[in-house]
């Protein structure tokens, strides 16, 4: 495995000339829940009585959760794989956004099925371990998006199992890699969140290189 600084340097090299294009992917994913959130806030001002307003807000909250499961998470999974395709030089579309939606359409069913199973497992583990186990399993399953795309034959359970095996001994490495972006995260927040449009691709590209190294190690072992 490379050093954390090597991963960040590799991420910058991958993003060279494509910072704004990848920032657009982040903007699309961020804009969806923001728009839904705005619609929720507007309900009390639509002339509804209190009970009707509560019912409408509950419906919107449920709808927002559904959109997250069916749209946002699959888009995030697809975005993960865009960076891997950029790293490998295998992008088939002229922009990262087009590539993201191709991956989204191609793997949507498996993304959704796996995400639901992952959410259930992490929720149950979190209940049993007061949240600690949920965090650990979140890192154990962090390679799932990449594995689903790289191995079309994998089902949800197989993808989760393979991610756990791949991340054995590497969960702390990924945590520290993410921690090295803390300073940039603080600066991004100080820009009213605008900096996140460029920081997010930077982090995803670094994690894409991290996954590629894990996969290369797996291939060597086989």
C-alpha atoms as a PDB file:
ATOM      1  CA  UNK A   1       0.000   0.000   0.000  1.00  0.00           C
ATOM      2  CA  UNK A   2       1.170   3.520  -0.761  1.00  0.00           C
ATOM      3  CA  UNK A   3       1.441   6.336   1.776  1.00  0.00           C
ATOM      4  CA  UNK A   4      -1.506   8.643   2.399  1.00  0.00           C
ATOM      5  CA  UNK A   5       0.333  11.499   0.688  1.00  0.00           C
ATOM      6  CA  UNK A   6       0.987   9.282  -2.339  1.00  0.00           C
ATOM      7  CA  UNK A   7      -2.739   8.605  -2.626  1.00  0.00           C
ATOM      8  CA  UNK A   8      -3.515  12.299  -2.501  1.00  0.00           C
ATOM      9  CA  UNK A   9      -0.852  13.054  -5.113  1.00  0.00           C
ATOM     10  CA  UNK A  10      -2.227  10.297  -7.342  1.00  0.00           C
ATOM     11  CA  UNK A  11      -5.740  11.713  -6.908  1.00  0.00           C
ATOM     12  CA  UNK A  12      -4.605  15.168  -8.024  1.00  0.00           C
ATOM     13  CA  UNK A  13      -2.936  13.645 -11.069  1.00  0.00           C
ATOM     14  CA  UNK A  14      -6.138  11.764 -11.945  1.00  0.00           C
ATOM     15  CA  UNK A  15      -8.209  14.946 -11.627  1.00  0.00           C
ATOM     16  CA  UNK A  16      -5.843  17.132 -13.633  1.00  0.00           C
ATOM     17  CA  UNK A  17      -7.881  18.970 -16.251  1.00  0.00           C
ATOM     18  CA  UNK A  18     -11.153  17.474 -14.944  1.00  0.00           C
ATOM     19  CA  UNK A  19     -11.706  19.221 -11.611  1.00  0.00           C
ATOM     20  CA  UNK A  20     -14.750  21.173 -12.762  1.00  0.00           C
ATOM     21  CA  UNK A  21     -16.240  18.200 -14.627  1.00  0.00           C
ATOM     22  CA  UNK A  22     -16.068  16.013 -11.529  1.00  0.00           C
ATOM     23  CA  UNK A  23     -17.350  18.872  -9.347  1.00  0.00           C
ATOM     24  CA  UNK A  24     -20.484  18.825 -11.498  1.00  0.00           C
ATOM     25  CA  UNK A  25     -21.132  15.214 -10.433  1.00  0.00           C
ATOM     26  CA  UNK A  26     -20.982  16.307  -6.797  1.00  0.00           C
ATOM     27  CA  UNK A  27     -23.322  19.222  -7.499  1.00  0.00           C
ATOM     28  CA  UNK A  28     -25.919  16.905  -9.046  1.00  0.00           C
ATOM     29  CA  UNK A  29     -25.891  14.564  -6.050  1.00  0.00           C
ATOM     30  CA  UNK A  30     -25.986  17.409  -3.525  1.00  0.00           C
ATOM     31  CA  UNK A  31     -28.751  19.304  -5.357  1.00  0.00           C
ATOM     32  CA  UNK A  32     -31.322  16.491  -5.155  1.00  0.00           C
ATOM     33  CA  UNK A  33     -31.706  16.356  -1.324  1.00  0.00           C
ATOM     34  CA  UNK A  34     -31.461  20.161  -1.132  1.00  0.00           C
ATOM     35  CA  UNK A  35     -34.388  20.545  -3.516  1.00  0.00           C
ATOM     36  CA  UNK A  36     -36.382  17.973  -1.543  1.00  0.00           C
ATOM     37  CA  UNK A  37     -35.507  19.769   1.679  1.00  0.00           C
ATOM     38  CA  UNK A  38     -36.749  23.072   0.286  1.00  0.00           C
ATOM     39  CA  UNK A  39     -40.064  21.480  -0.685  1.00  0.00           C
ATOM     40  CA  UNK A  40     -40.462  20.148   2.874  1.00  0.00           C
ATOM     41  CA  UNK A  41     -39.891  23.587   4.388  1.00  0.00           C
ATOM     42  CA  UNK A  42     -42.508  25.103   2.070  1.00  0.00           C
ATOM     43  CA  UNK A  43     -45.395  22.896   3.240  1.00  0.00           C
ATOM     44  CA  UNK A  44     -46.312  24.979   6.349  1.00  0.00           C
ATOM     45  CA  UNK A  45     -46.764  28.020   4.088  1.00  0.00           C
ATOM     46  CA  UNK A  46     -49.188  26.339   1.688  1.00  0.00           C
ATOM     47  CA  UNK A  47     -52.284  27.153   3.721  1.00  0.00           C
ATOM     48  CA  UNK A  48     -52.599  23.644   5.214  1.00  0.00           C
ATOM     49  CA  UNK A  49     -53.942  23.105   8.722  1.00  0.00           C
ATOM     50  CA  UNK A  50     -51.539  21.690  11.319  1.00  0.00           C
ATOM     51  CA  UNK A  51     -52.596  18.031  10.975  1.00  0.00           C
ATOM     52  CA  UNK A  52     -52.501  18.151   7.173  1.00  0.00           C
ATOM     53  CA  UNK A  53     -49.093  19.793   7.335  1.00  0.00           C
ATOM     54  CA  UNK A  54     -47.781  17.018   9.612  1.00  0.00           C
ATOM     55  CA  UNK A  55     -49.138  14.328   7.285  1.00  0.00           C
ATOM     56  CA  UNK A  56     -47.628  16.036   4.238  1.00  0.00           C
ATOM     57  CA  UNK A  57     -44.250  16.468   5.929  1.00  0.00           C
ATOM     58  CA  UNK A  58     -44.242  12.800   7.005  1.00  0.00           C
ATOM     59  CA  UNK A  59     -45.006  11.791   3.442  1.00  0.00           C
ATOM     60  CA  UNK A  60     -42.184  13.963   2.139  1.00  0.00           C
ATOM     61  CA  UNK A  61     -39.757  12.542   4.712  1.00  0.00           C
ATOM     62  CA  UNK A  62     -40.659   9.038   3.580  1.00  0.00           C
ATOM     63  CA  UNK A  63     -40.328  10.104  -0.043  1.00  0.00           C
ATOM     64  CA  UNK A  64     -36.915  11.621   0.682  1.00  0.00           C
ATOM     65  CA  UNK A  65     -35.735   8.340   2.223  1.00  0.00           C
ATOM     66  CA  UNK A  66     -37.009   6.465  -0.815  1.00  0.00           C
ATOM     67  CA  UNK A  67     -35.211   8.838  -3.172  1.00  0.00           C
ATOM     68  CA  UNK A  68     -32.022   8.355  -1.175  1.00  0.00           C
ATOM     69  CA  UNK A  69     -32.235   4.567  -1.510  1.00  0.00           C
ATOM     70  CA  UNK A  70     -33.334   4.499  -5.142  1.00  0.00           C
ATOM     71  CA  UNK A  71     -31.415   7.458  -6.544  1.00  0.00           C
ATOM     72  CA  UNK A  72     -28.802   9.123  -4.334  1.00  0.00           C
ATOM     73  CA  UNK A  73     -26.925   6.041  -3.112  1.00  0.00           C
ATOM     74  CA  UNK A  74     -26.849   4.400  -6.568  1.00  0.00           C
ATOM     75  CA  UNK A  75     -25.563   7.699  -8.004  1.00  0.00           C
ATOM     76  CA  UNK A  76     -22.868   7.801  -5.323  1.00  0.00           C
ATOM     77  CA  UNK A  77     -21.920   4.180  -6.093  1.00  0.00           C
ATOM     78  CA  UNK A  78     -21.745   5.077  -9.791  1.00  0.00           C
ATOM     79  CA  UNK A  79     -19.582   8.110  -9.021  1.00  0.00           C
ATOM     80  CA  UNK A  80     -17.132   5.873  -7.140  1.00  0.00           C
ATOM     81  CA  UNK A  81     -16.651   3.831 -10.286  1.00  0.00           C
ATOM     82  CA  UNK A  82     -16.233   6.886 -12.495  1.00  0.00           C
ATOM     83  CA  UNK A  83     -13.030   7.693 -10.637  1.00  0.00           C
ATOM     84  CA  UNK A  84     -11.785   4.129 -11.015  1.00  0.00           C
ATOM     85  CA  UNK A  85     -12.428   4.302 -14.764  1.00  0.00           C
ATOM     86  CA  UNK A  86     -10.510   7.599 -14.846  1.00  0.00           C
ATOM     87  CA  UNK A  87      -7.655   5.998 -12.907  1.00  0.00           C
ATOM     88  CA  UNK A  88      -7.533   3.061 -15.322  1.00  0.00           C
ATOM     89  CA  UNK A  89      -7.964   5.247 -18.385  1.00  0.00           C
ATOM     90  CA  UNK A  90     -11.029   3.246 -19.445  1.00  0.00           C
ATOM     91  CA  UNK A  91     -13.683   6.000 -19.569  1.00  0.00           C
ATOM     92  CA  UNK A  92     -16.012   5.303 -22.491  1.00  0.00           C
ATOM     93  CA  UNK A  93     -17.836   8.652 -22.365  1.00  0.00           C
ATOM     94  CA  UNK A  94     -16.499  12.134 -22.984  1.00  0.00           C
ATOM     95  CA  UNK A  95     -17.499  13.490 -19.555  1.00  0.00           C
ATOM     96  CA  UNK A  96     -17.541  12.034 -16.031  1.00  0.00           C
ATOM     97  CA  UNK A  97     -21.225  12.973 -15.653  1.00  0.00           C
ATOM     98  CA  UNK A  98     -22.225  10.882 -18.678  1.00  0.00           C
ATOM     99  CA  UNK A  99     -20.084   8.029 -17.359  1.00  0.00           C
ATOM    100  CA  UNK A 100     -21.808   8.272 -13.966  1.00  0.00           C
ATOM    101  CA  UNK A 101     -25.288   7.947 -15.444  1.00  0.00           C
ATOM    102  CA  UNK A 102     -24.214   5.027 -17.636  1.00  0.00           C
ATOM    103  CA  UNK A 103     -22.920   3.187 -14.557  1.00  0.00           C
ATOM    104  CA  UNK A 104     -26.071   4.198 -12.652  1.00  0.00           C
ATOM    105  CA  UNK A 105     -28.328   2.675 -15.315  1.00  0.00           C
ATOM    106  CA  UNK A 106     -26.123  -0.376 -15.821  1.00  0.00           C
ATOM    107  CA  UNK A 107     -25.830  -1.446 -12.170  1.00  0.00           C
ATOM    108  CA  UNK A 108     -28.865   0.227 -10.575  1.00  0.00           C
ATOM    109  CA  UNK A 109     -30.713  -2.940  -9.487  1.00  0.00           C
ATOM    110  CA  UNK A 110     -27.643  -4.473  -7.847  1.00  0.00           C
ATOM    111  CA  UNK A 111     -26.711  -1.136  -6.241  1.00  0.00           C
ATOM    112  CA  UNK A 112     -30.156  -0.826  -4.660  1.00  0.00           C
ATOM    113  CA  UNK A 113     -30.413  -4.455  -3.479  1.00  0.00           C
ATOM    114  CA  UNK A 114     -26.938  -4.370  -1.943  1.00  0.00           C
ATOM    115  CA  UNK A 115     -27.476  -0.985  -0.300  1.00  0.00           C
ATOM    116  CA  UNK A 116     -30.712  -2.159   1.367  1.00  0.00           C
ATOM    117  CA  UNK A 117     -29.022  -5.292   2.721  1.00  0.00           C
ATOM    118  CA  UNK A 118     -26.021  -3.249   3.871  1.00  0.00           C
ATOM    119  CA  UNK A 119     -28.273  -0.737   5.663  1.00  0.00           C
ATOM    120  CA  UNK A 120     -30.122  -3.524   7.483  1.00  0.00           C
ATOM    121  CA  UNK A 121     -26.887  -5.195   8.625  1.00  0.00           C
ATOM    122  CA  UNK A 122     -25.287  -1.943   9.788  1.00  0.00           C
ATOM    123  CA  UNK A 123     -28.495  -0.905  11.598  1.00  0.00           C
ATOM    124  CA  UNK A 124     -28.718  -4.216  13.480  1.00  0.00           C
ATOM    125  CA  UNK A 125     -25.006  -4.211  14.325  1.00  0.00           C
ATOM    126  CA  UNK A 126     -25.293  -0.613  15.546  1.00  0.00           C
ATOM    127  CA  UNK A 127     -28.185  -1.536  17.862  1.00  0.00           C
ATOM    128  CA  UNK A 128     -26.199  -4.390  19.375  1.00  0.00           C
ATOM    129  CA  UNK A 129     -22.908  -2.498  19.741  1.00  0.00           C
ATOM    130  CA  UNK A 130     -24.237   0.997  20.541  1.00  0.00           C
ATOM    131  CA  UNK A 131     -23.051   2.336  17.191  1.00  0.00           C
ATOM    132  CA  UNK A 132     -19.405   1.276  17.331  1.00  0.00           C
ATOM    133  CA  UNK A 133     -19.886  -1.886  15.293  1.00  0.00           C
ATOM    134  CA  UNK A 134     -21.881   0.089  12.724  1.00  0.00           C
ATOM    135  CA  UNK A 135     -18.910   2.365  12.072  1.00  0.00           C
ATOM    136  CA  UNK A 136     -16.549  -0.606  11.737  1.00  0.00           C
ATOM    137  CA  UNK A 137     -18.887  -2.405   9.334  1.00  0.00           C
ATOM    138  CA  UNK A 138     -19.322   0.790   7.313  1.00  0.00           C
ATOM    139  CA  UNK A 139     -15.594   0.700   6.611  1.00  0.00           C
ATOM    140  CA  UNK A 140     -15.695  -3.042   6.014  1.00  0.00           C
ATOM    141  CA  UNK A 141     -18.306  -2.469   3.297  1.00  0.00           C
ATOM    142  CA  UNK A 142     -16.648   0.610   1.772  1.00  0.00           C
ATOM    143  CA  UNK A 143     -15.388  -1.307  -1.274  1.00  0.00           C
ATOM    144  CA  UNK A 144     -18.844  -2.633  -2.220  1.00  0.00           C
ATOM    145  CA  UNK A 145     -19.576  -0.044  -4.976  1.00  0.00           C
ATOM    146  CA  UNK A 146     -16.359  -0.902  -6.819  1.00  0.00           C
ATOM    147  CA  UNK A 147     -16.784  -4.655  -6.467  1.00  0.00           C
ATOM    148  CA  UNK A 148     -20.345  -4.582  -7.802  1.00  0.00           C
ATOM    149  CA  UNK A 149     -19.166  -2.893 -10.975  1.00  0.00           C
ATOM    150  CA  UNK A 150     -15.941  -4.874 -11.412  1.00  0.00           C
ATOM    151  CA  UNK A 151     -17.659  -8.229 -10.827  1.00  0.00           C
ATOM    152  CA  UNK A 152     -21.085  -8.247 -12.547  1.00  0.00           C
ATOM    153  CA  UNK A 153     -21.689 -11.814 -11.377  1.00  0.00           C
ATOM    154  CA  UNK A 154     -21.667 -10.854  -7.682  1.00  0.00           C
ATOM    155  CA  UNK A 155     -24.926 -10.786  -5.751  1.00  0.00           C
ATOM    156  CA  UNK A 156     -25.532  -8.520  -2.749  1.00  0.00           C
ATOM    157  CA  UNK A 157     -24.325 -10.965  -0.091  1.00  0.00           C
ATOM    158  CA  UNK A 158     -21.274 -11.982  -2.113  1.00  0.00           C
ATOM    159  CA  UNK A 159     -20.303  -8.324  -2.665  1.00  0.00           C
ATOM    160  CA  UNK A 160     -20.586  -7.561   1.063  1.00  0.00           C
ATOM    161  CA  UNK A 161     -18.574 -10.646   1.971  1.00  0.00           C
ATOM    162  CA  UNK A 162     -15.865  -9.861  -0.583  1.00  0.00           C
ATOM    163  CA  UNK A 163     -15.607  -6.270   0.666  1.00  0.00           C
ATOM    164  CA  UNK A 164     -15.163  -7.503   4.251  1.00  0.00           C
ATOM    165  CA  UNK A 165     -12.349  -9.792   3.128  1.00  0.00           C
ATOM    166  CA  UNK A 166     -10.733  -7.085   1.028  1.00  0.00           C
ATOM    167  CA  UNK A 167     -10.779  -4.607   3.933  1.00  0.00           C
ATOM    168  CA  UNK A 168      -9.322  -6.959   6.545  1.00  0.00           C
ATOM    169  CA  UNK A 169      -6.372  -5.102   8.046  1.00  0.00           C
ATOM    170  CA  UNK A 170      -7.107  -1.997   5.952  1.00  0.00           C
ATOM    171  CA  UNK A 171     -10.070  -0.327   7.680  1.00  0.00           C
ATOM    172  CA  UNK A 172      -7.758   1.841   9.778  1.00  0.00           C
ATOM    173  CA  UNK A 173      -5.731   2.741   6.670  1.00  0.00           C
ATOM    174  CA  UNK A 174      -8.836   4.064   4.922  1.00  0.00           C
ATOM    175  CA  UNK A 175      -9.936   5.943   8.061  1.00  0.00           C
ATOM    176  CA  UNK A 176      -6.577   7.712   8.329  1.00  0.00           C
ATOM    177  CA  UNK A 177      -6.566   8.489   4.600  1.00  0.00           C
ATOM    178  CA  UNK A 178      -9.942  10.186   5.004  1.00  0.00           C
ATOM    179  CA  UNK A 179      -8.686  11.954   8.128  1.00  0.00           C
ATOM    180  CA  UNK A 180      -5.861  13.596   6.136  1.00  0.00           C
ATOM    181  CA  UNK A 181      -8.540  15.609   4.318  1.00  0.00           C
ATOM    182  CA  UNK A 182      -9.843  17.127   7.571  1.00  0.00           C
ATOM    183  CA  UNK A 183      -8.069  20.449   7.054  1.00  0.00           C
ATOM    184  CA  UNK A 184      -9.491  20.787   3.550  1.00  0.00           C
ATOM    185  CA  UNK A 185     -12.927  19.823   4.889  1.00  0.00           C
ATOM    186  CA  UNK A 186     -12.834  22.656   7.427  1.00  0.00           C
ATOM    187  CA  UNK A 187     -11.831  25.121   4.702  1.00  0.00           C
ATOM    188  CA  UNK A 188     -14.612  23.806   2.439  1.00  0.00           C
ATOM    189  CA  UNK A 189     -17.180  24.350   5.200  1.00  0.00           C
ATOM    190  CA  UNK A 190     -15.897  27.909   5.688  1.00  0.00           C
ATOM    191  CA  UNK A 191     -16.753  28.598   2.038  1.00  0.00           C
ATOM    192  CA  UNK A 192     -20.412  27.846   2.914  1.00  0.00           C
ATOM    193  CA  UNK A 193     -19.919  24.357   1.526  1.00  0.00           C
ATOM    194  CA  UNK A 194     -19.024  25.483  -2.003  1.00  0.00           C
ATOM    195  CA  UNK A 195     -15.535  24.008  -1.648  1.00  0.00           C
ATOM    196  CA  UNK A 196     -17.097  20.567  -1.168  1.00  0.00           C
ATOM    197  CA  UNK A 197     -17.822  20.495  -4.891  1.00  0.00           C
ATOM    198  CA  UNK A 198     -14.090  20.091  -5.519  1.00  0.00           C
ATOM    199  CA  UNK A 199     -13.047  18.421  -2.272  1.00  0.00           C
ATOM    200  CA  UNK A 200     -15.462  15.505  -2.751  1.00  0.00           C
ATOM    201  CA  UNK A 201     -13.931  14.410  -6.087  1.00  0.00           C
ATOM    202  CA  UNK A 202     -10.469  14.772  -4.531  1.00  0.00           C
ATOM    203  CA  UNK A 203     -11.450  12.368  -1.725  1.00  0.00           C
ATOM    204  CA  UNK A 204     -13.236   9.951  -4.051  1.00  0.00           C
ATOM    205  CA  UNK A 205     -10.272   9.845  -6.426  1.00  0.00           C
ATOM    206  CA  UNK A 206      -7.911   9.052  -3.530  1.00  0.00           C
ATOM    207  CA  UNK A 207     -10.245   6.267  -2.371  1.00  0.00           C
ATOM    208  CA  UNK A 208     -10.407   4.971  -5.936  1.00  0.00           C
ATOM    209  CA  UNK A 209      -6.626   4.585  -5.937  1.00  0.00           C
ATOM    210  CA  UNK A 210      -6.904   2.885  -2.531  1.00  0.00           C
ATOM    211  CA  UNK A 211      -9.368   0.358  -3.975  1.00  0.00           C
ATOM    212  CA  UNK A 212      -7.198  -0.233  -7.032  1.00  0.00           C
ATOM    213  CA  UNK A 213      -4.249  -1.132  -4.792  1.00  0.00           C
ATOM    214  CA  UNK A 214      -6.404  -3.539  -2.769  1.00  0.00           C
ATOM    215  CA  UNK A 215      -7.629  -5.200  -5.959  1.00  0.00           C
ATOM    216  CA  UNK A 216      -4.087  -5.475  -7.330  1.00  0.00           C
ATOM    217  CA  UNK A 217      -3.042  -7.186  -4.095  1.00  0.00           C
ATOM    218  CA  UNK A 218      -5.994  -9.557  -4.396  1.00  0.00           C
ATOM    219  CA  UNK A 219      -5.041 -10.462  -7.974  1.00  0.00           C
ATOM    220  CA  UNK A 220      -1.427 -11.102  -6.923  1.00  0.00           C
ATOM    221  CA  UNK A 221      -2.563 -13.415  -4.116  1.00  0.00           C
ATOM    222  CA  UNK A 222      -4.698 -15.398  -6.559  1.00  0.00           C
END
